[in-house]
Amino acid sequence: MGLVRPLWVLAALTWFLSDAHGSNSAVGHLRHQSPTSDQAAGTLRALLDKTERDLQDLTRRRNNWQDVCRMKRAGSQSHAECMHILQGMDTEIQSLKDRQVAYKEMLGHLDR
């Protein structure tokens, strides 16, 4: 995927920070400015920070849930349901990790 994802997100950030949102948006005060790489980097850093917090929170919740699953009798319906929930959390955790890597890649391209 390489550079395609960073360019797509940078384009989305550019659109978000541009005149497309008008004066009633949260970024309306930026509508007369063209977005800069500093603005995009700042937005990416904020997204990265939030993703890292979300990842820590979800990992903590997943570990707690795993402790609950260990109390279920192996082979029981409740154990199977519990393991299914863990698998969903694992998928979410991987998605957050992928997002984290992508944000770091994009920031690396902007910091050059």
N, C-alpha and C. Protein backbone atom coordinates (compact mmCIF):
# COMPACT_ATOMS: atom_id res chain seq x y z
N MET A 1 0.84 -1.18 0.00
CA MET A 1 0.00 0.00 0.00
C MET A 1 0.88 1.24 0.00
N GLY A 2 1.98 1.23 0.74
CA GLY A 2 3.01 2.26 0.68
C GLY A 2 2.52 3.68 0.74
N LEU A 3 2.77 4.42 -0.31
CA LEU A 3 2.49 5.85 -0.35
C LEU A 3 1.04 6.17 -0.69
N VAL A 4 0.30 5.21 -1.22
CA VAL A 4 -1.08 5.49 -1.63
C VAL A 4 -1.93 5.92 -0.45
N ARG A 5 -1.87 5.19 0.66
CA ARG A 5 -2.68 5.53 1.83
C ARG A 5 -2.31 6.90 2.38
N PRO A 6 -1.00 7.21 2.58
CA PRO A 6 -0.65 8.53 3.09
C PRO A 6 -1.14 9.66 2.18
N LEU A 7 -1.05 9.49 0.87
CA LEU A 7 -1.51 10.54 -0.04
C LEU A 7 -3.02 10.69 0.03
N TRP A 8 -3.75 9.57 0.18
CA TRP A 8 -5.20 9.65 0.28
C TRP A 8 -5.60 10.40 1.53
N VAL A 9 -4.98 10.09 2.65
CA VAL A 9 -5.32 10.75 3.91
C VAL A 9 -4.92 12.21 3.87
N LEU A 10 -3.77 12.51 3.27
CA LEU A 10 -3.35 13.90 3.16
C LEU A 10 -4.35 14.68 2.30
N ALA A 11 -4.84 14.06 1.24
CA ALA A 11 -5.86 14.71 0.41
C ALA A 11 -7.14 14.94 1.21
N ALA A 12 -7.53 13.96 2.03
CA ALA A 12 -8.72 14.12 2.86
C ALA A 12 -8.53 15.22 3.89
N LEU A 13 -7.35 15.29 4.48
CA LEU A 13 -7.06 16.36 5.45
C LEU A 13 -7.08 17.71 4.77
N THR A 14 -6.53 17.78 3.56
CA THR A 14 -6.53 19.03 2.81
C THR A 14 -7.96 19.49 2.55
N TRP A 15 -8.80 18.54 2.11
CA TRP A 15 -10.20 18.90 1.86
C TRP A 15 -10.87 19.35 3.16
N PHE A 16 -10.60 18.63 4.26
CA PHE A 16 -11.22 18.94 5.54
C PHE A 16 -10.83 20.35 6.01
N LEU A 17 -9.59 20.72 5.80
CA LEU A 17 -9.12 22.01 6.26
C LEU A 17 -9.41 23.14 5.27
N SER A 18 -9.96 22.79 4.11
CA SER A 18 -10.19 23.79 3.08
C SER A 18 -11.58 24.41 3.19
N ASP A 19 -11.95 25.13 2.18
CA ASP A 19 -13.21 25.85 2.13
C ASP A 19 -14.43 24.94 2.07
N ALA A 20 -14.24 23.65 1.90
CA ALA A 20 -15.35 22.72 1.73
C ALA A 20 -16.31 22.72 2.91
N HIS A 21 -15.84 23.08 4.09
CA HIS A 21 -16.70 23.03 5.27
C HIS A 21 -17.40 24.34 5.56
N GLY A 22 -16.99 25.41 4.94
CA GLY A 22 -17.68 26.67 5.12
C GLY A 22 -17.48 27.28 6.50
N SER A 23 -18.18 28.38 6.76
CA SER A 23 -17.95 29.15 7.98
C SER A 23 -18.65 28.57 9.20
N ASN A 24 -19.59 27.66 9.04
CA ASN A 24 -20.31 27.11 10.19
C ASN A 24 -19.63 25.90 10.80
N SER A 25 -18.53 25.47 10.23
CA SER A 25 -17.88 24.26 10.74
C SER A 25 -16.89 24.60 11.84
N ALA A 26 -16.41 23.55 12.48
CA ALA A 26 -15.41 23.73 13.53
C ALA A 26 -14.10 24.25 12.98
N VAL A 27 -13.87 24.02 11.70
CA VAL A 27 -12.63 24.52 11.09
C VAL A 27 -12.92 25.68 10.15
N GLY A 28 -14.07 26.29 10.29
CA GLY A 28 -14.45 27.40 9.43
C GLY A 28 -13.47 28.55 9.46
N HIS A 29 -12.80 28.75 10.61
CA HIS A 29 -11.84 29.84 10.70
C HIS A 29 -10.63 29.62 9.80
N LEU A 30 -10.45 28.40 9.33
CA LEU A 30 -9.33 28.10 8.42
C LEU A 30 -9.73 28.23 6.95
N ARG A 31 -10.96 28.56 6.68
CA ARG A 31 -11.44 28.49 5.31
C ARG A 31 -10.73 29.42 4.35
N HIS A 32 -10.13 30.49 4.83
CA HIS A 32 -9.44 31.41 3.95
C HIS A 32 -7.95 31.12 3.87
N GLN A 33 -7.51 30.09 4.58
CA GLN A 33 -6.11 29.70 4.54
C GLN A 33 -5.99 28.42 3.73
N SER A 34 -4.88 28.29 3.04
CA SER A 34 -4.64 26.99 2.42
C SER A 34 -3.96 26.12 3.47
N PRO A 35 -4.33 24.87 3.51
CA PRO A 35 -3.75 24.00 4.51
C PRO A 35 -2.26 23.82 4.27
N THR A 36 -1.52 23.73 5.32
CA THR A 36 -0.08 23.54 5.22
C THR A 36 0.28 22.16 5.73
N SER A 37 1.49 21.77 5.46
CA SER A 37 1.93 20.48 5.98
C SER A 37 1.97 20.50 7.50
N ASP A 38 2.21 21.69 8.10
CA ASP A 38 2.20 21.79 9.57
C ASP A 38 0.81 21.52 10.12
N GLN A 39 -0.22 22.04 9.44
CA GLN A 39 -1.58 21.79 9.88
C GLN A 39 -1.94 20.31 9.74
N ALA A 40 -1.54 19.73 8.61
CA ALA A 40 -1.82 18.32 8.39
C ALA A 40 -1.07 17.47 9.43
N ALA A 41 0.18 17.83 9.69
CA ALA A 41 0.97 17.08 10.68
C ALA A 41 0.34 17.21 12.07
N GLY A 42 -0.13 18.39 12.40
CA GLY A 42 -0.79 18.59 13.70
C GLY A 42 -2.04 17.74 13.82
N THR A 43 -2.82 17.69 12.75
CA THR A 43 -4.03 16.86 12.76
C THR A 43 -3.66 15.39 12.87
N LEU A 44 -2.64 14.98 12.12
CA LEU A 44 -2.20 13.58 12.19
C LEU A 44 -1.68 13.23 13.58
N ARG A 45 -0.95 14.15 14.21
CA ARG A 45 -0.46 13.88 15.57
C ARG A 45 -1.62 13.71 16.55
N ALA A 46 -2.63 14.55 16.39
CA ALA A 46 -3.81 14.44 17.26
C ALA A 46 -4.52 13.10 17.03
N LEU A 47 -4.64 12.70 15.76
CA LEU A 47 -5.25 11.41 15.45
C LEU A 47 -4.41 10.25 16.00
N LEU A 48 -3.09 10.38 15.89
CA LEU A 48 -2.20 9.35 16.42
C LEU A 48 -2.32 9.25 17.93
N ASP A 49 -2.36 10.39 18.61
CA ASP A 49 -2.52 10.39 20.06
C ASP A 49 -3.81 9.70 20.48
N LYS A 50 -4.90 10.03 19.79
CA LYS A 50 -6.19 9.42 20.12
C LYS A 50 -6.17 7.92 19.84
N THR A 51 -5.56 7.54 18.73
CA THR A 51 -5.47 6.12 18.40
C THR A 51 -4.67 5.37 19.45
N GLU A 52 -3.58 5.97 19.92
CA GLU A 52 -2.77 5.33 20.95
C GLU A 52 -3.53 5.19 22.26
N ARG A 53 -4.30 6.21 22.62
CA ARG A 53 -5.13 6.12 23.85
C ARG A 53 -6.19 5.04 23.68
N ASP A 54 -6.85 5.02 22.51
CA ASP A 54 -7.87 4.01 22.25
C ASP A 54 -7.27 2.60 22.29
N LEU A 55 -6.07 2.46 21.75
CA LEU A 55 -5.41 1.16 21.74
C LEU A 55 -5.09 0.69 23.16
N GLN A 56 -4.59 1.59 23.98
CA GLN A 56 -4.31 1.23 25.38
C GLN A 56 -5.59 0.84 26.11
N ASP A 57 -6.64 1.61 25.91
CA ASP A 57 -7.91 1.33 26.58
C ASP A 57 -8.48 -0.01 26.13
N LEU A 58 -8.49 -0.25 24.83
CA LEU A 58 -9.06 -1.49 24.32
C LEU A 58 -8.21 -2.70 24.75
N THR A 59 -6.89 -2.54 24.77
CA THR A 59 -6.02 -3.63 25.21
C THR A 59 -6.29 -3.96 26.68
N ARG A 60 -6.45 -2.93 27.49
CA ARG A 60 -6.77 -3.15 28.92
C ARG A 60 -8.11 -3.87 29.06
N ARG A 61 -9.12 -3.40 28.32
CA ARG A 61 -10.45 -4.04 28.38
C ARG A 61 -10.39 -5.48 27.89
N ARG A 62 -9.61 -5.72 26.83
CA ARG A 62 -9.48 -7.07 26.29
C ARG A 62 -8.84 -7.99 27.32
N ASN A 63 -7.81 -7.51 28.00
CA ASN A 63 -7.14 -8.32 29.03
C ASN A 63 -8.09 -8.64 30.18
N ASN A 64 -8.90 -7.67 30.57
CA ASN A 64 -9.90 -7.92 31.62
C ASN A 64 -10.92 -8.95 31.16
N TRP A 65 -11.34 -8.83 29.90
CA TRP A 65 -12.33 -9.76 29.36
C TRP A 65 -11.74 -11.17 29.27
N GLN A 66 -10.45 -11.25 28.94
CA GLN A 66 -9.79 -12.55 28.88
C GLN A 66 -9.81 -13.23 30.25
N ASP A 67 -9.63 -12.44 31.30
CA ASP A 67 -9.71 -13.00 32.66
C ASP A 67 -11.10 -13.59 32.93
N VAL A 68 -12.12 -12.91 32.43
CA VAL A 68 -13.50 -13.43 32.59
C VAL A 68 -13.65 -14.73 31.82
N CYS A 69 -13.10 -14.77 30.61
CA CYS A 69 -13.22 -15.98 29.78
C CYS A 69 -12.55 -17.18 30.43
N ARG A 70 -11.48 -16.95 31.14
CA ARG A 70 -10.77 -18.05 31.81
C ARG A 70 -11.63 -18.70 32.90
N MET A 71 -12.59 -17.96 33.40
CA MET A 71 -13.47 -18.50 34.44
C MET A 71 -14.59 -19.35 33.86
N LYS A 72 -14.80 -19.26 32.56
CA LYS A 72 -15.86 -20.04 31.90
C LYS A 72 -15.35 -21.47 31.66
N ARG A 73 -16.22 -22.40 31.76
CA ARG A 73 -15.86 -23.80 31.53
C ARG A 73 -15.55 -24.00 30.05
N ALA A 74 -14.35 -24.52 29.78
CA ALA A 74 -13.94 -24.77 28.39
C ALA A 74 -14.94 -25.70 27.72
N GLY A 75 -15.30 -25.36 26.51
CA GLY A 75 -16.26 -26.17 25.76
C GLY A 75 -17.70 -25.75 25.96
N SER A 76 -17.96 -24.88 26.93
CA SER A 76 -19.34 -24.44 27.17
C SER A 76 -19.72 -23.35 26.17
N GLN A 77 -21.02 -23.14 26.05
CA GLN A 77 -21.54 -22.10 25.16
C GLN A 77 -21.05 -20.73 25.62
N SER A 78 -21.04 -20.49 26.92
CA SER A 78 -20.61 -19.18 27.42
C SER A 78 -19.11 -18.96 27.15
N HIS A 79 -18.32 -20.02 27.20
CA HIS A 79 -16.89 -19.90 26.87
C HIS A 79 -16.72 -19.56 25.39
N ALA A 80 -17.47 -20.23 24.54
CA ALA A 80 -17.41 -19.96 23.10
C ALA A 80 -17.81 -18.51 22.80
N GLU A 81 -18.87 -18.05 23.44
CA GLU A 81 -19.31 -16.66 23.25
C GLU A 81 -18.24 -15.69 23.72
N CYS A 82 -17.64 -16.00 24.85
CA CYS A 82 -16.59 -15.15 25.40
C CYS A 82 -15.40 -15.08 24.44
N MET A 83 -15.01 -16.22 23.90
CA MET A 83 -13.89 -16.26 22.96
C MET A 83 -14.21 -15.49 21.68
N HIS A 84 -15.47 -15.53 21.27
CA HIS A 84 -15.89 -14.78 20.09
C HIS A 84 -15.74 -13.27 20.33
N ILE A 85 -16.09 -12.84 21.52
CA ILE A 85 -15.93 -11.43 21.88
C ILE A 85 -14.45 -11.05 21.86
N LEU A 86 -13.60 -11.93 22.39
CA LEU A 86 -12.15 -11.68 22.37
C LEU A 86 -11.63 -11.56 20.95
N GLN A 87 -12.12 -12.41 20.06
CA GLN A 87 -11.69 -12.35 18.66
C GLN A 87 -12.08 -11.01 18.03
N GLY A 88 -13.26 -10.52 18.35
CA GLY A 88 -13.68 -9.21 17.85
C GLY A 88 -12.80 -8.10 18.38
N MET A 89 -12.45 -8.20 19.65
CA MET A 89 -11.55 -7.20 20.24
C MET A 89 -10.16 -7.28 19.61
N ASP A 90 -9.69 -8.51 19.33
CA ASP A 90 -8.39 -8.67 18.67
C ASP A 90 -8.40 -8.01 17.29
N THR A 91 -9.50 -8.16 16.58
CA THR A 91 -9.63 -7.53 15.26
C THR A 91 -9.59 -6.01 15.39
N GLU A 92 -10.30 -5.48 16.38
CA GLU A 92 -10.28 -4.03 16.61
C GLU A 92 -8.89 -3.54 16.99
N ILE A 93 -8.21 -4.30 17.83
CA ILE A 93 -6.85 -3.93 18.25
C ILE A 93 -5.93 -3.90 17.04
N GLN A 94 -6.03 -4.89 16.17
CA GLN A 94 -5.18 -4.91 14.98
C GLN A 94 -5.49 -3.73 14.07
N SER A 95 -6.76 -3.38 13.97
CA SER A 95 -7.15 -2.23 13.16
C SER A 95 -6.53 -0.94 13.71
N LEU A 96 -6.56 -0.79 15.04
CA LEU A 96 -5.96 0.38 15.66
C LEU A 96 -4.44 0.40 15.45
N LYS A 97 -3.81 -0.77 15.52
CA LYS A 97 -2.37 -0.84 15.28
C LYS A 97 -2.04 -0.47 13.84
N ASP A 98 -2.85 -0.94 12.91
CA ASP A 98 -2.65 -0.59 11.49
C ASP A 98 -2.81 0.91 11.28
N ARG A 99 -3.81 1.48 11.92
CA ARG A 99 -4.04 2.93 11.82
C ARG A 99 -2.86 3.70 12.40
N GLN A 100 -2.35 3.21 13.52
CA GLN A 100 -1.20 3.83 14.18
C GLN A 100 0.01 3.84 13.25
N VAL A 101 0.27 2.72 12.60
CA VAL A 101 1.39 2.62 11.66
C VAL A 101 1.19 3.58 10.49
N ALA A 102 -0.03 3.65 9.98
CA ALA A 102 -0.32 4.54 8.85
C ALA A 102 -0.09 6.00 9.22
N TYR A 103 -0.57 6.41 10.40
CA TYR A 103 -0.37 7.79 10.83
C TYR A 103 1.12 8.10 10.98
N LYS A 104 1.88 7.15 11.53
CA LYS A 104 3.31 7.37 11.69
C LYS A 104 4.00 7.48 10.34
N GLU A 105 3.59 6.65 9.38
CA GLU A 105 4.15 6.74 8.02
C GLU A 105 3.86 8.10 7.40
N MET A 106 2.63 8.55 7.54
CA MET A 106 2.25 9.85 6.96
C MET A 106 3.04 10.98 7.62
N LEU A 107 3.17 10.90 8.94
CA LEU A 107 3.94 11.93 9.62
C LEU A 107 5.40 11.91 9.16
N GLY A 108 5.91 10.73 8.91
CA GLY A 108 7.28 10.62 8.40
C GLY A 108 7.44 11.29 7.06
N HIS A 109 6.43 11.17 6.21
CA HIS A 109 6.47 11.83 4.89
C HIS A 109 6.36 13.34 5.01
N LEU A 110 5.59 13.80 5.97
CA LEU A 110 5.40 15.25 6.14
C LEU A 110 6.61 15.90 6.82
N ASP A 111 7.30 15.14 7.65
CA ASP A 111 8.45 15.70 8.39
C ASP A 111 9.71 15.78 7.55
N ARG A 112 9.67 15.29 6.33
CA ARG A 112 10.86 15.33 5.47
C ARG A 112 11.16 16.70 4.97
